[in-house]
Amino acid sequence: MVSTENIKGAMQVELPIKIHGYDIDLMGIVHNIVYLRWFEHLRQEFLDQFWPLEEMLKNNQSPILHKTSVEYKKPFTIYDKPTGRLWLESVKHARWTVNIEIEQNNEIHASGVQSGFFFDLKEKRPILLPKELVRKFKEFHGEGF
């Protein structure tokens, strides 16, 4: 189930995360690389909700990931039932930034930031953010952003 409840006061998505046996390392905890896969799943869900792939391709656009940072705070095991949350933190001309949290029982186990830009697939160059996405962001945050 996808939630777009406005917990952070922003454009966001929230998803339950299932931990699989292949996510666990020899110590019985979720391997660090798995968090990046969760981040990507959340980012894709965000795009599905707010700027779907079909819309992007119709406009010859694609988001490009420029940077990901992760802070690991507390490990998960196979028995845990985490929830992931991603929200759009900022949009500036050609750049976007999202914040991500992976939590359980209101305790953050990992947090991260991703940033990037949009790319024109036909012209093969970075472009300004899609106007519709910026408009939606301003609806959530007001015109001051």
Protein backbone atom coordinates (compact mmCIF):
# COMPACT_ATOMS: atom_id res chain seq x y z
CA MET A 1 0.00 0.00 0.00
CA VAL A 2 1.36 3.40 -1.00
CA SER A 3 0.68 6.34 1.27
CA THR A 4 0.97 9.95 0.19
CA GLU A 5 -0.18 11.26 3.57
CA ASN A 6 1.51 14.58 4.12
CA ILE A 7 3.51 13.70 7.25
CA LYS A 8 6.52 15.90 6.46
CA GLY A 9 4.50 18.77 5.00
CA ALA A 10 5.82 17.98 1.55
CA MET A 11 5.27 15.95 -1.59
CA GLN A 12 6.01 12.46 -0.32
CA VAL A 13 5.41 8.75 -0.54
CA GLU A 14 5.52 6.09 2.15
CA LEU A 15 5.84 2.36 1.60
CA PRO A 16 6.04 -0.73 3.79
CA ILE A 17 9.27 -2.61 3.06
CA LYS A 18 9.58 -6.38 3.03
CA ILE A 19 12.93 -7.82 4.07
CA HIS A 20 13.87 -10.90 2.06
CA GLY A 21 16.36 -13.66 2.89
CA TYR A 22 18.69 -12.42 0.17
CA ASP A 23 18.83 -8.99 1.89
CA ILE A 24 20.60 -10.46 4.93
CA ASP A 25 24.36 -10.84 5.34
CA LEU A 26 26.27 -13.48 7.33
CA MET A 27 25.72 -11.53 10.56
CA GLY A 28 21.94 -11.75 10.13
CA ILE A 29 21.40 -8.06 9.38
CA VAL A 30 20.27 -6.23 6.26
CA HIS A 31 23.28 -5.50 4.07
CA ASN A 32 24.10 -1.81 3.49
CA ILE A 33 23.63 -2.02 -0.28
CA VAL A 34 19.98 -3.07 0.21
CA TYR A 35 19.16 0.40 1.55
CA LEU A 36 20.14 1.87 -1.81
CA ARG A 37 17.71 -0.47 -3.55
CA TRP A 38 15.00 0.66 -1.10
CA PHE A 39 15.88 4.29 -1.85
CA GLU A 40 15.47 3.63 -5.56
CA HIS A 41 12.13 1.88 -5.03
CA LEU A 42 10.88 4.87 -3.05
CA ARG A 43 12.11 7.34 -5.67
CA GLN A 44 10.39 5.39 -8.43
CA GLU A 45 7.16 5.29 -6.42
CA PHE A 46 7.44 9.04 -5.90
CA LEU A 47 7.78 9.58 -9.64
CA ASP A 48 4.85 7.24 -10.32
CA GLN A 49 2.72 9.41 -8.03
CA PHE A 50 3.87 12.89 -9.05
CA TRP A 51 5.58 12.71 -12.50
CA PRO A 52 4.95 9.31 -14.13
CA LEU A 53 7.37 7.71 -16.56
CA GLU A 54 4.76 7.86 -19.32
CA GLU A 55 4.57 11.64 -18.92
CA MET A 56 8.37 11.97 -18.86
CA LEU A 57 8.86 9.90 -22.00
CA LYS A 58 6.11 11.80 -23.81
CA ASN A 59 8.23 14.90 -23.14
CA ASN A 60 11.57 13.19 -23.91
CA GLN A 61 12.63 13.62 -20.26
CA SER A 62 14.33 11.45 -17.69
CA PRO A 63 15.46 12.16 -14.12
CA ILE A 64 19.17 11.63 -13.58
CA LEU A 65 20.54 10.72 -10.17
CA HIS A 66 23.62 12.79 -9.35
CA LYS A 67 24.34 11.94 -5.72
CA THR A 68 23.19 9.60 -2.94
CA SER A 69 24.25 9.72 0.69
CA VAL A 70 23.18 7.30 3.41
CA GLU A 71 23.51 7.41 7.18
CA TYR A 72 23.10 3.98 8.78
CA LYS A 73 21.85 4.37 12.34
CA LYS A 74 20.51 0.98 13.47
CA PRO A 75 20.47 -2.36 11.63
CA PHE A 76 17.42 -4.32 10.55
CA THR A 77 17.06 -8.11 10.78
CA ILE A 78 14.89 -10.47 8.76
CA TYR A 79 12.09 -10.22 11.35
CA ASP A 80 11.75 -6.43 11.17
CA LYS A 81 9.02 -4.62 9.28
CA PRO A 82 10.42 -1.28 8.14
CA THR A 83 8.63 1.58 6.45
CA GLY A 84 10.29 3.86 3.91
CA ARG A 85 9.42 7.49 3.39
CA LEU A 86 10.69 9.85 0.69
CA TRP A 87 9.80 13.49 0.23
CA LEU A 88 10.83 16.22 -2.18
CA GLU A 89 12.95 18.63 -0.17
CA SER A 90 13.82 21.22 -2.82
CA VAL A 91 13.62 22.15 -6.47
CA LYS A 92 15.93 24.80 -7.89
CA HIS A 93 16.08 25.56 -11.61
CA ALA A 94 17.53 22.28 -12.87
CA ARG A 95 18.20 20.45 -9.56
CA TRP A 96 15.98 18.40 -7.27
CA THR A 97 16.71 16.97 -3.81
CA VAL A 98 14.79 14.28 -1.93
CA ASN A 99 15.13 13.15 1.68
CA ILE A 100 14.60 9.55 2.66
CA GLU A 101 14.00 7.76 5.96
CA ILE A 102 13.73 4.06 6.68
CA GLU A 103 12.08 3.52 10.05
CA GLN A 104 10.30 1.09 12.30
CA ASN A 105 8.07 2.00 15.25
CA ASN A 106 8.90 5.69 14.78
CA GLU A 107 12.64 5.01 15.15
CA ILE A 108 14.80 5.98 12.18
CA HIS A 109 17.21 3.19 11.22
CA ALA A 110 18.65 4.90 8.13
CA SER A 111 18.31 8.26 6.44
CA GLY A 112 19.57 9.64 3.21
CA VAL A 113 19.56 12.34 0.60
CA GLN A 114 19.48 12.01 -3.16
CA SER A 115 19.91 14.80 -5.68
CA GLY A 116 19.84 15.05 -9.41
CA PHE A 117 18.49 16.81 -12.45
CA PHE A 118 16.33 16.15 -15.50
CA PHE A 119 17.74 15.20 -18.86
CA ASP A 120 16.38 15.75 -22.37
CA LEU A 121 16.59 12.33 -24.05
CA LYS A 122 16.38 13.76 -27.56
CA GLU A 123 18.86 16.63 -27.14
CA LYS A 124 21.11 14.62 -24.76
CA ARG A 125 21.55 17.47 -22.28
CA PRO A 126 20.33 18.59 -18.84
CA ILE A 127 17.16 20.68 -18.79
CA LEU A 128 15.16 22.76 -16.34
CA LEU A 129 12.81 20.84 -14.07
CA PRO A 130 9.42 20.06 -15.61
CA LYS A 131 7.09 23.00 -14.98
CA GLU A 132 4.28 20.70 -13.80
CA LEU A 133 6.53 19.13 -11.15
CA VAL A 134 7.64 22.57 -9.93
CA ARG A 135 3.99 23.68 -9.83
CA LYS A 136 3.05 20.68 -7.68
CA PHE A 137 5.99 21.38 -5.36
CA LYS A 138 4.88 25.01 -4.94
CA GLU A 139 1.33 23.83 -4.11
CA PHE A 140 2.76 21.94 -1.15
CA HIS A 141 5.30 24.56 -0.05
CA GLY A 142 3.92 27.87 -1.22
CA GLU A 143 5.36 30.31 -3.71
CA GLY A 144 8.37 31.20 -1.53
CA PHE A 145 10.29 28.13 -2.71
